[in-house]
Amino acid sequence: MSTQPSPQKGEILIRVGACSVNNMDLNLRKQWYGQDFHEV
């Protein structure tokens, strides 16, 4: 059983229904596309 976090002063608590990471974004960050590939 997990406890729900409580926000501190100046913070908010949001409920995330879904999230994802695009594989191309990961590859760009790891520089697997090489130096010739530029983000637009």
PDB file of N, CA and C in Angstrom:
ATOM      1  N   MET A   1       0.846  -1.175   0.000  1.00  0.00           N
ATOM      2  CA  MET A   1       0.000   0.000   0.000  1.00  0.00           C
ATOM      3  C   MET A   1       0.890   1.235   0.000  1.00  0.00           C
ATOM      4  N   SER A   2       0.646   2.118  -0.961  1.00  0.00           N
ATOM      5  CA  SER A   2       1.458   3.332  -1.042  1.00  0.00           C
ATOM      6  C   SER A   2       0.677   4.522  -0.499  1.00  0.00           C
ATOM      7  N   THR A   3       1.416   5.482  -0.026  1.00  0.00           N
ATOM      8  CA  THR A   3       0.782   6.689   0.487  1.00  0.00           C
ATOM      9  C   THR A   3       0.797   7.754  -0.602  1.00  0.00           C
ATOM     10  N   GLN A   4      -0.211   8.586  -0.635  1.00  0.00           N
ATOM     11  CA  GLN A   4      -0.281   9.664  -1.616  1.00  0.00           C
ATOM     12  C   GLN A   4       0.576  10.820  -1.140  1.00  0.00           C
ATOM     13  N   PRO A   5       1.437  11.329  -2.018  1.00  0.00           N
ATOM     14  CA  PRO A   5       2.265  12.475  -1.631  1.00  0.00           C
ATOM     15  C   PRO A   5       1.411  13.710  -1.415  1.00  0.00           C
ATOM     16  N   SER A   6       1.881  14.579  -0.573  1.00  0.00           N
ATOM     17  CA  SER A   6       1.173  15.842  -0.361  1.00  0.00           C
ATOM     18  C   SER A   6       2.082  16.985  -0.799  1.00  0.00           C
ATOM     19  N   PRO A   7       1.547  17.917  -1.588  1.00  0.00           N
ATOM     20  CA  PRO A   7       2.381  19.012  -2.083  1.00  0.00           C
ATOM     21  C   PRO A   7       2.797  19.961  -0.964  1.00  0.00           C
ATOM     22  N   GLN A   8       3.978  20.496  -1.102  1.00  0.00           N
ATOM     23  CA  GLN A   8       4.491  21.490  -0.174  1.00  0.00           C
ATOM     24  C   GLN A   8       4.041  22.873  -0.623  1.00  0.00           C
ATOM     25  N   LYS A   9       4.343  23.882   0.133  1.00  0.00           N
ATOM     26  CA  LYS A   9       3.969  25.251  -0.199  1.00  0.00           C
ATOM     27  C   LYS A   9       4.566  25.632  -1.554  1.00  0.00           C
ATOM     28  N   GLY A  10       3.733  26.176  -2.442  1.00  0.00           N
ATOM     29  CA  GLY A  10       4.180  26.578  -3.761  1.00  0.00           C
ATOM     30  C   GLY A  10       4.182  25.453  -4.785  1.00  0.00           C
ATOM     31  N   GLU A  11       3.730  24.259  -4.411  1.00  0.00           N
ATOM     32  CA  GLU A  11       3.678  23.115  -5.317  1.00  0.00           C
ATOM     33  C   GLU A  11       2.228  22.699  -5.543  1.00  0.00           C
ATOM     34  N   ILE A  12       2.013  21.916  -6.603  1.00  0.00           N
ATOM     35  CA  ILE A  12       0.693  21.348  -6.852  1.00  0.00           C
ATOM     36  C   ILE A  12       0.850  19.850  -7.068  1.00  0.00           C
ATOM     37  N   LEU A  13      -0.209  19.119  -6.865  1.00  0.00           N
ATOM     38  CA  LEU A  13      -0.217  17.680  -7.094  1.00  0.00           C
ATOM     39  C   LEU A  13      -1.139  17.405  -8.269  1.00  0.00           C
ATOM     40  N   ILE A  14      -0.628  16.707  -9.283  1.00  0.00           N
ATOM     41  CA  ILE A  14      -1.448  16.374 -10.438  1.00  0.00           C
ATOM     42  C   ILE A  14      -1.545  14.860 -10.573  1.00  0.00           C
ATOM     43  N   ARG A  15      -2.634  14.407 -11.156  1.00  0.00           N
ATOM     44  CA  ARG A  15      -2.805  12.983 -11.419  1.00  0.00           C
ATOM     45  C   ARG A  15      -2.523  12.758 -12.902  1.00  0.00           C
ATOM     46  N   VAL A  16      -1.585  11.878 -13.183  1.00  0.00           N
ATOM     47  CA  VAL A  16      -1.220  11.573 -14.560  1.00  0.00           C
ATOM     48  C   VAL A  16      -1.968  10.334 -14.983  1.00  0.00           C
ATOM     49  N   GLY A  17      -2.739  10.465 -16.059  1.00  0.00           N
ATOM     50  CA  GLY A  17      -3.508   9.333 -16.564  1.00  0.00           C
ATOM     51  C   GLY A  17      -2.699   8.454 -17.490  1.00  0.00           C
ATOM     52  N   ALA A  18      -1.782   9.053 -18.235  1.00  0.00           N
ATOM     53  CA  ALA A  18      -0.949   8.307 -19.170  1.00  0.00           C
ATOM     54  C   ALA A  18       0.247   9.172 -19.557  1.00  0.00           C
ATOM     55  N   CYS A  19       1.328   8.533 -19.892  1.00  0.00           N
ATOM     56  CA  CYS A  19       2.490   9.247 -20.400  1.00  0.00           C
ATOM     57  C   CYS A  19       3.291   8.292 -21.280  1.00  0.00           C
ATOM     58  N   SER A  20       4.136   8.851 -22.105  1.00  0.00           N
ATOM     59  CA  SER A  20       4.958   8.008 -22.976  1.00  0.00           C
ATOM     60  C   SER A  20       6.237   8.750 -23.327  1.00  0.00           C
ATOM     61  N   VAL A  21       7.174   8.006 -23.850  1.00  0.00           N
ATOM     62  CA  VAL A  21       8.422   8.576 -24.336  1.00  0.00           C
ATOM     63  C   VAL A  21       8.587   8.100 -25.772  1.00  0.00           C
ATOM     64  N   ASN A  22       8.804   9.043 -26.660  1.00  0.00           N
ATOM     65  CA  ASN A  22       9.008   8.733 -28.061  1.00  0.00           C
ATOM     66  C   ASN A  22      10.409   8.151 -28.229  1.00  0.00           C
ATOM     67  N   ASN A  23      10.506   7.013 -28.909  1.00  0.00           N
ATOM     68  CA  ASN A  23      11.790   6.349 -29.095  1.00  0.00           C
ATOM     69  C   ASN A  23      12.781   7.241 -29.836  1.00  0.00           C
ATOM     70  N   MET A  24      12.305   8.029 -30.790  1.00  0.00           N
ATOM     71  CA  MET A  24      13.208   8.925 -31.520  1.00  0.00           C
ATOM     72  C   MET A  24      13.801   9.978 -30.587  1.00  0.00           C
ATOM     73  N   ASP A  25      13.019  10.468 -29.631  1.00  0.00           N
ATOM     74  CA  ASP A  25      13.545  11.424 -28.663  1.00  0.00           C
ATOM     75  C   ASP A  25      14.681  10.821 -27.844  1.00  0.00           C
ATOM     76  N   LEU A  26      14.510   9.573 -27.430  1.00  0.00           N
ATOM     77  CA  LEU A  26      15.574   8.898 -26.684  1.00  0.00           C
ATOM     78  C   LEU A  26      16.833   8.758 -27.532  1.00  0.00           C
ATOM     79  N   ASN A  27      16.653   8.365 -28.781  1.00  0.00           N
ATOM     80  CA  ASN A  27      17.805   8.194 -29.664  1.00  0.00           C
ATOM     81  C   ASN A  27      18.534   9.509 -29.900  1.00  0.00           C
ATOM     82  N   LEU A  28      17.787  10.610 -30.032  1.00  0.00           N
ATOM     83  CA  LEU A  28      18.432  11.913 -30.207  1.00  0.00           C
ATOM     84  C   LEU A  28      19.232  12.303 -28.972  1.00  0.00           C
ATOM     85  N   ARG A  29      18.673  12.057 -27.799  1.00  0.00           N
ATOM     86  CA  ARG A  29      19.382  12.412 -26.566  1.00  0.00           C
ATOM     87  C   ARG A  29      20.637  11.574 -26.378  1.00  0.00           C
ATOM     88  N   LYS A  30      20.596  10.326 -26.815  1.00  0.00           N
ATOM     89  CA  LYS A  30      21.766   9.458 -26.712  1.00  0.00           C
ATOM     90  C   LYS A  30      22.737   9.675 -27.865  1.00  0.00           C
ATOM     91  N   GLN A  31      22.357  10.528 -28.815  1.00  0.00           N
ATOM     92  CA  GLN A  31      23.153  10.839 -30.005  1.00  0.00           C
ATOM     93  C   GLN A  31      23.435   9.599 -30.835  1.00  0.00           C
ATOM     94  N   TRP A  32      22.441   8.688 -30.905  1.00  0.00           N
ATOM     95  CA  TRP A  32      22.591   7.486 -31.717  1.00  0.00           C
ATOM     96  C   TRP A  32      22.404   7.766 -33.195  1.00  0.00           C
ATOM     97  N   TYR A  33      21.883   8.961 -33.551  1.00  0.00           N
ATOM     98  CA  TYR A  33      21.714   9.311 -34.953  1.00  0.00           C
ATOM     99  C   TYR A  33      22.949   9.986 -35.514  1.00  0.00           C
ATOM    100  N   GLY A  34      23.905  10.273 -34.699  1.00  0.00           N
ATOM    101  CA  GLY A  34      25.132  10.894 -35.167  1.00  0.00           C
ATOM    102  C   GLY A  34      25.019  12.407 -35.206  1.00  0.00           C
ATOM    103  N   GLN A  35      26.053  13.046 -35.646  1.00  0.00           N
ATOM    104  CA  GLN A  35      26.128  14.497 -35.638  1.00  0.00           C
ATOM    105  C   GLN A  35      25.404  15.122 -36.838  1.00  0.00           C
ATOM    106  N   ASP A  36      25.105  14.357 -37.878  1.00  0.00           N
ATOM    107  CA  ASP A  36      24.466  14.904 -39.070  1.00  0.00           C
ATOM    108  C   ASP A  36      22.971  15.125 -38.906  1.00  0.00           C
ATOM    109  N   PHE A  37      22.374  14.539 -37.884  1.00  0.00           N
ATOM    110  CA  PHE A  37      20.937  14.656 -37.669  1.00  0.00           C
ATOM    111  C   PHE A  37      20.664  15.847 -36.777  1.00  0.00           C
ATOM    112  N   HIS A  38      19.812  16.780 -37.231  1.00  0.00           N
ATOM    113  CA  HIS A  38      19.504  17.993 -36.471  1.00  0.00           C
ATOM    114  C   HIS A  38      18.028  18.029 -36.130  1.00  0.00           C
ATOM    115  N   GLU A  39      17.726  18.430 -34.906  1.00  0.00           N
ATOM    116  CA  GLU A  39      16.340  18.605 -34.500  1.00  0.00           C
ATOM    117  C   GLU A  39      15.766  19.838 -35.185  1.00  0.00           C
ATOM    118  N   VAL A  40      14.489  19.807 -35.465  1.00  0.00           N
ATOM    119  CA  VAL A  40      13.812  20.945 -36.091  1.00  0.00           C
ATOM    120  C   VAL A  40      12.992  21.642 -35.047  1.00  0.00           C
TER     121      VAL A  40
END
